[in-house]
């Protein structure tokens, strides 16, 4: 399945993500320049139409060819986001914004990681999330978690239907195909589907590796001399 990692250091933030989409699903690497739109413009996302923003930021996206949204991307302000499928006990809507739609919308509309989280939370409240998320099985759907970073800080944003929780990254953080934020996880996680995703095996390892990267290497021992 998928994993996303952010490492926050004093002078930089490192970000990495892998993907395991359907094997026949090509992903386009696309650059979209900054755009201005007339008042009242609309935007067609993967499954639904929403009002368009007056201005969108330039974005670099990795996008499944059949979706409007993206699985990972960055914008001109240095905001980067990766999303993960998570499985919850909340109802799954037949239509709505996909997690990848939410990711792209946040990149197009936010200038910082904190603002990107606000964009996703607002869109969840207004439009909800839902709809098919698979190429080969269009009925396959899930809720989403996001790792959102900019050059100074990073956040984990987890969702269950229209509910969400946010946690600031301290040092190193890994997310996978399961909820992790204390309280939110216990309230909303579908334990069986989360176990089947392999999240509980993979995430402890990626989290440990991320934390190890923060530990200074042992200095080389001086060689003996005469």
C-alpha atoms as a PDB file:
ATOM      1  CA  UNK A   1       0.000   0.000   0.000  1.00  0.00           C
ATOM      2  CA  UNK A   2       1.086   3.658   0.347  1.00  0.00           C
ATOM      3  CA  UNK A   3       3.297   5.459   2.839  1.00  0.00           C
ATOM      4  CA  UNK A   4       4.183   9.146   3.243  1.00  0.00           C
ATOM      5  CA  UNK A   5       6.939  10.575   5.446  1.00  0.00           C
ATOM      6  CA  UNK A   6       7.883  14.085   6.575  1.00  0.00           C
ATOM      7  CA  UNK A   7      10.966  15.001   8.591  1.00  0.00           C
ATOM      8  CA  UNK A   8      11.040  18.491  10.114  1.00  0.00           C
ATOM      9  CA  UNK A   9      14.504  19.864  10.808  1.00  0.00           C
ATOM     10  CA  UNK A  10      15.723  23.251  11.964  1.00  0.00           C
ATOM     11  CA  UNK A  11      16.503  24.537   8.469  1.00  0.00           C
ATOM     12  CA  UNK A  12      14.378  22.356   6.181  1.00  0.00           C
ATOM     13  CA  UNK A  13      11.527  19.877   5.823  1.00  0.00           C
ATOM     14  CA  UNK A  14      12.045  16.581   3.978  1.00  0.00           C
ATOM     15  CA  UNK A  15       9.087  14.878   2.309  1.00  0.00           C
ATOM     16  CA  UNK A  16       8.698  11.503   0.566  1.00  0.00           C
ATOM     17  CA  UNK A  17       5.823   9.331  -0.677  1.00  0.00           C
ATOM     18  CA  UNK A  18       5.364   6.006  -2.442  1.00  0.00           C
ATOM     19  CA  UNK A  19       2.289   4.767  -4.298  1.00  0.00           C
ATOM     20  CA  UNK A  20       0.625   1.460  -5.135  1.00  0.00           C
ATOM     21  CA  UNK A  21      -2.198   2.385  -7.476  1.00  0.00           C
ATOM     22  CA  UNK A  22      -3.663  -0.108  -9.983  1.00  0.00           C
ATOM     23  CA  UNK A  23      -0.862  -1.526 -12.201  1.00  0.00           C
ATOM     24  CA  UNK A  24      -2.506  -0.316 -15.433  1.00  0.00           C
ATOM     25  CA  UNK A  25      -3.161   3.182 -14.096  1.00  0.00           C
ATOM     26  CA  UNK A  26      -0.684   5.646 -15.579  1.00  0.00           C
ATOM     27  CA  UNK A  27       0.080   8.771 -13.575  1.00  0.00           C
ATOM     28  CA  UNK A  28       0.685  12.025 -15.418  1.00  0.00           C
ATOM     29  CA  UNK A  29       3.340  14.416 -14.133  1.00  0.00           C
ATOM     30  CA  UNK A  30       1.834  17.813 -14.882  1.00  0.00           C
ATOM     31  CA  UNK A  31       2.693  21.481 -14.372  1.00  0.00           C
ATOM     32  CA  UNK A  32      -0.212  23.935 -14.217  1.00  0.00           C
ATOM     33  CA  UNK A  33       0.649  27.624 -14.145  1.00  0.00           C
ATOM     34  CA  UNK A  34      -1.042  30.225 -11.970  1.00  0.00           C
ATOM     35  CA  UNK A  35      -4.469  31.186 -13.299  1.00  0.00           C
ATOM     36  CA  UNK A  36      -7.094  33.891 -12.723  1.00  0.00           C
ATOM     37  CA  UNK A  37     -10.800  33.156 -13.201  1.00  0.00           C
ATOM     38  CA  UNK A  38     -13.897  35.338 -13.590  1.00  0.00           C
ATOM     39  CA  UNK A  39     -16.336  35.696 -10.700  1.00  0.00           C
ATOM     40  CA  UNK A  40     -18.887  32.884 -10.767  1.00  0.00           C
ATOM     41  CA  UNK A  41     -16.663  30.367 -12.566  1.00  0.00           C
ATOM     42  CA  UNK A  42     -17.208  26.690 -11.803  1.00  0.00           C
ATOM     43  CA  UNK A  43     -14.759  23.800 -11.623  1.00  0.00           C
ATOM     44  CA  UNK A  44     -15.412  20.188 -12.588  1.00  0.00           C
ATOM     45  CA  UNK A  45     -13.531  17.862 -10.245  1.00  0.00           C
ATOM     46  CA  UNK A  46     -13.502  14.067 -10.607  1.00  0.00           C
ATOM     47  CA  UNK A  47     -17.181  13.525  -9.766  1.00  0.00           C
ATOM     48  CA  UNK A  48     -18.749  16.845  -8.794  1.00  0.00           C
ATOM     49  CA  UNK A  49     -18.682  20.519  -9.762  1.00  0.00           C
ATOM     50  CA  UNK A  50     -17.786  23.256  -7.276  1.00  0.00           C
ATOM     51  CA  UNK A  51     -17.183  27.039  -7.446  1.00  0.00           C
ATOM     52  CA  UNK A  52     -13.773  27.945  -8.811  1.00  0.00           C
ATOM     53  CA  UNK A  53     -11.377  30.159  -6.864  1.00  0.00           C
ATOM     54  CA  UNK A  54     -10.612  33.607  -8.304  1.00  0.00           C
ATOM     55  CA  UNK A  55      -6.907  32.689  -8.488  1.00  0.00           C
ATOM     56  CA  UNK A  56      -5.106  29.333  -8.383  1.00  0.00           C
ATOM     57  CA  UNK A  57      -1.413  28.862  -7.595  1.00  0.00           C
ATOM     58  CA  UNK A  58       1.003  27.112  -9.934  1.00  0.00           C
ATOM     59  CA  UNK A  59       1.215  23.388  -9.131  1.00  0.00           C
ATOM     60  CA  UNK A  60       3.272  20.329 -10.047  1.00  0.00           C
ATOM     61  CA  UNK A  61       1.098  17.220  -9.797  1.00  0.00           C
ATOM     62  CA  UNK A  62       1.354  13.434 -10.013  1.00  0.00           C
ATOM     63  CA  UNK A  63      -2.172  12.587 -11.175  1.00  0.00           C
ATOM     64  CA  UNK A  64      -3.896   9.317 -12.139  1.00  0.00           C
ATOM     65  CA  UNK A  65      -4.822   9.902 -15.787  1.00  0.00           C
ATOM     66  CA  UNK A  66      -8.580   9.487 -15.261  1.00  0.00           C
ATOM     67  CA  UNK A  67      -8.910  11.685 -12.158  1.00  0.00           C
ATOM     68  CA  UNK A  68      -8.967  15.469 -11.851  1.00  0.00           C
ATOM     69  CA  UNK A  69      -7.197  15.303  -8.495  1.00  0.00           C
ATOM     70  CA  UNK A  70      -3.645  14.229  -7.703  1.00  0.00           C
ATOM     71  CA  UNK A  71      -2.032  11.718  -5.372  1.00  0.00           C
ATOM     72  CA  UNK A  72       0.880  13.975  -4.569  1.00  0.00           C
ATOM     73  CA  UNK A  73       2.089  17.394  -5.592  1.00  0.00           C
ATOM     74  CA  UNK A  74       3.701  20.712  -4.765  1.00  0.00           C
ATOM     75  CA  UNK A  75       2.871  24.339  -5.441  1.00  0.00           C
ATOM     76  CA  UNK A  76       4.820  27.507  -6.174  1.00  0.00           C
ATOM     77  CA  UNK A  77       4.916  28.408  -2.455  1.00  0.00           C
ATOM     78  CA  UNK A  78       6.659  25.174  -1.467  1.00  0.00           C
ATOM     79  CA  UNK A  79       3.569  23.441  -0.080  1.00  0.00           C
ATOM     80  CA  UNK A  80       3.677  19.671  -0.658  1.00  0.00           C
ATOM     81  CA  UNK A  81       0.945  17.111   0.081  1.00  0.00           C
ATOM     82  CA  UNK A  82       0.597  13.338  -0.133  1.00  0.00           C
ATOM     83  CA  UNK A  83      -2.592  11.412   0.596  1.00  0.00           C
ATOM     84  CA  UNK A  84      -3.325   7.934   1.933  1.00  0.00           C
ATOM     85  CA  UNK A  85      -6.445   5.788   1.785  1.00  0.00           C
ATOM     86  CA  UNK A  86      -7.841   5.148   5.273  1.00  0.00           C
ATOM     87  CA  UNK A  87     -10.763   2.978   6.309  1.00  0.00           C
ATOM     88  CA  UNK A  88     -13.262   4.215   8.876  1.00  0.00           C
ATOM     89  CA  UNK A  89     -16.633   3.396  10.386  1.00  0.00           C
ATOM     90  CA  UNK A  90     -18.203   6.518   8.900  1.00  0.00           C
ATOM     91  CA  UNK A  91     -20.554   6.033   5.904  1.00  0.00           C
ATOM     92  CA  UNK A  92     -18.982   6.194   2.450  1.00  0.00           C
ATOM     93  CA  UNK A  93     -20.749   8.688   0.188  1.00  0.00           C
ATOM     94  CA  UNK A  94     -21.623   7.689  -3.380  1.00  0.00           C
ATOM     95  CA  UNK A  95     -20.270  10.972  -4.684  1.00  0.00           C
ATOM     96  CA  UNK A  96     -18.306  13.978  -3.473  1.00  0.00           C
ATOM     97  CA  UNK A  97     -14.735  15.206  -3.655  1.00  0.00           C
ATOM     98  CA  UNK A  98     -12.149  12.456  -3.758  1.00  0.00           C
ATOM     99  CA  UNK A  99      -9.131  12.685  -1.488  1.00  0.00           C
ATOM    100  CA  UNK A 100      -7.052  13.476  -4.550  1.00  0.00           C
ATOM    101  CA  UNK A 101      -9.426  16.303  -5.469  1.00  0.00           C
ATOM    102  CA  UNK A 102      -8.991  17.720  -1.961  1.00  0.00           C
ATOM    103  CA  UNK A 103      -5.209  17.469  -2.294  1.00  0.00           C
ATOM    104  CA  UNK A 104      -5.111  19.354  -5.595  1.00  0.00           C
ATOM    105  CA  UNK A 105      -7.583  21.982  -4.434  1.00  0.00           C
ATOM    106  CA  UNK A 106      -5.479  22.647  -1.339  1.00  0.00           C
ATOM    107  CA  UNK A 107      -2.323  23.063  -3.431  1.00  0.00           C
ATOM    108  CA  UNK A 108      -4.087  25.413  -5.830  1.00  0.00           C
ATOM    109  CA  UNK A 109      -5.572  27.563  -3.065  1.00  0.00           C
ATOM    110  CA  UNK A 110      -3.095  27.613  -0.139  1.00  0.00           C
ATOM    111  CA  UNK A 111       0.217  29.396   0.477  1.00  0.00           C
ATOM    112  CA  UNK A 112       1.268  27.403   3.555  1.00  0.00           C
ATOM    113  CA  UNK A 113       0.798  23.960   5.083  1.00  0.00           C
ATOM    114  CA  UNK A 114      -1.513  25.334   7.783  1.00  0.00           C
ATOM    115  CA  UNK A 115      -3.665  27.099   5.189  1.00  0.00           C
ATOM    116  CA  UNK A 116      -3.815  23.924   3.067  1.00  0.00           C
ATOM    117  CA  UNK A 117      -5.244  22.035   6.056  1.00  0.00           C
ATOM    118  CA  UNK A 118      -7.865  24.772   6.457  1.00  0.00           C
ATOM    119  CA  UNK A 119      -8.815  24.487   2.774  1.00  0.00           C
ATOM    120  CA  UNK A 120      -9.336  20.723   3.065  1.00  0.00           C
ATOM    121  CA  UNK A 121     -11.352  21.059   6.286  1.00  0.00           C
ATOM    122  CA  UNK A 122     -13.613  23.721   4.744  1.00  0.00           C
ATOM    123  CA  UNK A 123     -14.218  21.694   1.577  1.00  0.00           C
ATOM    124  CA  UNK A 124     -15.037  18.612   3.648  1.00  0.00           C
ATOM    125  CA  UNK A 125     -17.661  20.578   5.543  1.00  0.00           C
ATOM    126  CA  UNK A 126     -19.123  22.115   2.389  1.00  0.00           C
ATOM    127  CA  UNK A 127     -18.898  19.243  -0.124  1.00  0.00           C
ATOM    128  CA  UNK A 128     -17.954  16.049   1.688  1.00  0.00           C
ATOM    129  CA  UNK A 129     -15.753  13.304   0.272  1.00  0.00           C
ATOM    130  CA  UNK A 130     -16.858  10.317  -1.745  1.00  0.00           C
ATOM    131  CA  UNK A 131     -17.140   8.587  -5.078  1.00  0.00           C
ATOM    132  CA  UNK A 132     -15.198   5.777  -6.725  1.00  0.00           C
ATOM    133  CA  UNK A 133     -11.430   5.895  -6.292  1.00  0.00           C
ATOM    134  CA  UNK A 134     -10.210   2.916  -8.350  1.00  0.00           C
ATOM    135  CA  UNK A 135      -9.487   2.512 -12.046  1.00  0.00           C
ATOM    136  CA  UNK A 136     -10.311  -1.169 -12.329  1.00  0.00           C
ATOM    137  CA  UNK A 137     -12.980  -1.163  -9.619  1.00  0.00           C
ATOM    138  CA  UNK A 138     -14.863   2.118  -9.773  1.00  0.00           C
ATOM    139  CA  UNK A 139     -16.902   1.147  -6.690  1.00  0.00           C
ATOM    140  CA  UNK A 140     -13.773   0.980  -4.519  1.00  0.00           C
ATOM    141  CA  UNK A 141     -13.795   3.963  -2.180  1.00  0.00           C
ATOM    142  CA  UNK A 142     -12.146   5.142   1.013  1.00  0.00           C
ATOM    143  CA  UNK A 143     -11.594   8.114   3.257  1.00  0.00           C
ATOM    144  CA  UNK A 144      -8.286   9.956   3.347  1.00  0.00           C
ATOM    145  CA  UNK A 145      -5.392  11.114   5.452  1.00  0.00           C
ATOM    146  CA  UNK A 146      -2.902  13.751   4.332  1.00  0.00           C
ATOM    147  CA  UNK A 147       0.654  14.704   5.183  1.00  0.00           C
ATOM    148  CA  UNK A 148       0.942  18.426   4.447  1.00  0.00           C
ATOM    149  CA  UNK A 149       4.253  20.278   4.553  1.00  0.00           C
ATOM    150  CA  UNK A 150       5.912  23.536   3.583  1.00  0.00           C
ATOM    151  CA  UNK A 151       9.539  24.673   3.984  1.00  0.00           C
ATOM    152  CA  UNK A 152       9.059  25.359   7.714  1.00  0.00           C
ATOM    153  CA  UNK A 153       6.525  22.886   9.158  1.00  0.00           C
ATOM    154  CA  UNK A 154       4.271  19.905   8.517  1.00  0.00           C
ATOM    155  CA  UNK A 155       0.907  18.540   9.651  1.00  0.00           C
ATOM    156  CA  UNK A 156      -0.987  15.264   9.591  1.00  0.00           C
ATOM    157  CA  UNK A 157      -4.643  15.765   8.648  1.00  0.00           C
ATOM    158  CA  UNK A 158      -6.893  12.711   9.032  1.00  0.00           C
ATOM    159  CA  UNK A 159     -10.502  12.421   7.915  1.00  0.00           C
ATOM    160  CA  UNK A 160     -13.497  10.166   8.464  1.00  0.00           C
ATOM    161  CA  UNK A 161     -16.423  11.253   6.312  1.00  0.00           C
ATOM    162  CA  UNK A 162     -16.793  14.960   7.066  1.00  0.00           C
ATOM    163  CA  UNK A 163     -14.942  14.670  10.387  1.00  0.00           C
ATOM    164  CA  UNK A 164     -11.267  15.550  10.630  1.00  0.00           C
ATOM    165  CA  UNK A 165      -8.380  15.922  13.060  1.00  0.00           C
ATOM    166  CA  UNK A 166      -5.035  17.696  12.685  1.00  0.00           C
ATOM    167  CA  UNK A 167      -1.695  17.124  14.389  1.00  0.00           C
ATOM    168  CA  UNK A 168       1.494  19.121  13.963  1.00  0.00           C
ATOM    169  CA  UNK A 169       4.572  17.078  13.069  1.00  0.00           C
ATOM    170  CA  UNK A 170       7.286  17.122  15.703  1.00  0.00           C
ATOM    171  CA  UNK A 171      10.587  15.915  14.259  1.00  0.00           C
ATOM    172  CA  UNK A 172       9.549  12.900  12.110  1.00  0.00           C
ATOM    173  CA  UNK A 173       6.193  11.457  11.051  1.00  0.00           C
ATOM    174  CA  UNK A 174       4.991   8.621   8.868  1.00  0.00           C
ATOM    175  CA  UNK A 175       1.425   7.886   7.754  1.00  0.00           C
ATOM    176  CA  UNK A 176       0.037   4.863   5.980  1.00  0.00           C
ATOM    177  CA  UNK A 177      -3.403   3.330   5.347  1.00  0.00           C
ATOM    178  CA  UNK A 178      -4.809   3.901   8.821  1.00  0.00           C
ATOM    179  CA  UNK A 179      -5.779   6.625  11.261  1.00  0.00           C
ATOM    180  CA  UNK A 180      -3.079   7.533  13.787  1.00  0.00           C
ATOM    181  CA  UNK A 181      -4.124  10.654  15.725  1.00  0.00           C
ATOM    182  CA  UNK A 182      -5.001   9.654  19.319  1.00  0.00           C
ATOM    183  CA  UNK A 183      -8.705   9.906  20.093  1.00  0.00           C
ATOM    184  CA  UNK A 184      -9.680  10.325  16.443  1.00  0.00           C
ATOM    185  CA  UNK A 185      -8.248   6.890  15.624  1.00  0.00           C
ATOM    186  CA  UNK A 186     -10.147   5.148  18.417  1.00  0.00           C
ATOM    187  CA  UNK A 187     -13.394   6.918  17.535  1.00  0.00           C
ATOM    188  CA  UNK A 188     -13.434   6.359  13.779  1.00  0.00           C
ATOM    189  CA  UNK A 189     -11.062   3.598  12.621  1.00  0.00           C
ATOM    190  CA  UNK A 190     -12.367   0.429  10.949  1.00  0.00           C
ATOM    191  CA  UNK A 191     -10.018  -1.990  12.687  1.00  0.00           C
ATOM    192  CA  UNK A 192     -10.578  -4.959  10.350  1.00  0.00           C
ATOM    193  CA  UNK A 193     -10.006  -3.094   7.058  1.00  0.00           C
ATOM    194  CA  UNK A 194      -7.052  -1.232   8.549  1.00  0.00           C
ATOM    195  CA  UNK A 195      -5.430  -4.537   9.543  1.00  0.00           C
ATOM    196  CA  UNK A 196      -6.069  -5.978   6.075  1.00  0.00           C
ATOM    197  CA  UNK A 197      -4.347  -2.970   4.489  1.00  0.00           C
ATOM    198  CA  UNK A 198      -1.085  -3.941   6.205  1.00  0.00           C
ATOM    199  CA  UNK A 199      -0.835  -0.513   7.798  1.00  0.00           C
ATOM    200  CA  UNK A 200      -0.150  -1.892  11.269  1.00  0.00           C
ATOM    201  CA  UNK A 201       2.886  -3.754   9.956  1.00  0.00           C
ATOM    202  CA  UNK A 202       4.339  -1.090   7.676  1.00  0.00           C
ATOM    203  CA  UNK A 203       3.809   2.125   9.557  1.00  0.00           C
ATOM    204  CA  UNK A 204       5.824   1.219  12.705  1.00  0.00           C
ATOM    205  CA  UNK A 205       8.784   0.444  10.455  1.00  0.00           C
ATOM    206  CA  UNK A 206       8.564   3.633   8.373  1.00  0.00           C
ATOM    207  CA  UNK A 207       8.062   5.686  11.535  1.00  0.00           C
ATOM    208  CA  UNK A 208      11.121   4.094  13.150  1.00  0.00           C
ATOM    209  CA  UNK A 209      13.232   4.697  10.048  1.00  0.00           C
ATOM    210  CA  UNK A 210      12.110   8.327   9.894  1.00  0.00           C
ATOM    211  CA  UNK A 211      13.036   8.827  13.543  1.00  0.00           C
ATOM    212  CA  UNK A 212      16.407   7.128  13.048  1.00  0.00           C
ATOM    213  CA  UNK A 213      17.237   9.630  10.321  1.00  0.00           C
ATOM    214  CA  UNK A 214      17.081  12.351  12.967  1.00  0.00           C
ATOM    215  CA  UNK A 215      19.758  10.699  15.117  1.00  0.00           C
ATOM    216  CA  UNK A 216      23.255  12.032  14.405  1.00  0.00           C
ATOM    217  CA  UNK A 217      25.603   9.392  13.075  1.00  0.00           C
ATOM    218  CA  UNK A 218      28.294   8.219  15.454  1.00  0.00           C
ATOM    219  CA  UNK A 219      31.512  10.141  14.777  1.00  0.00           C
ATOM    220  CA  UNK A 220      34.319   8.104  13.298  1.00  0.00           C
ATOM    221  CA  UNK A 221      36.799   6.870  15.868  1.00  0.00           C
ATOM    222  CA  UNK A 222      40.224   8.464  15.595  1.00  0.00           C
ATOM    223  CA  UNK A 223      42.836   6.104  14.307  1.00  0.00           C
ATOM    224  CA  UNK A 224      45.688   5.198  16.569  1.00  0.00           C
ATOM    225  CA  UNK A 225      49.115   6.701  15.836  1.00  0.00           C
ATOM    226  CA  UNK A 226      52.679   6.197  16.873  1.00  0.00           C
END
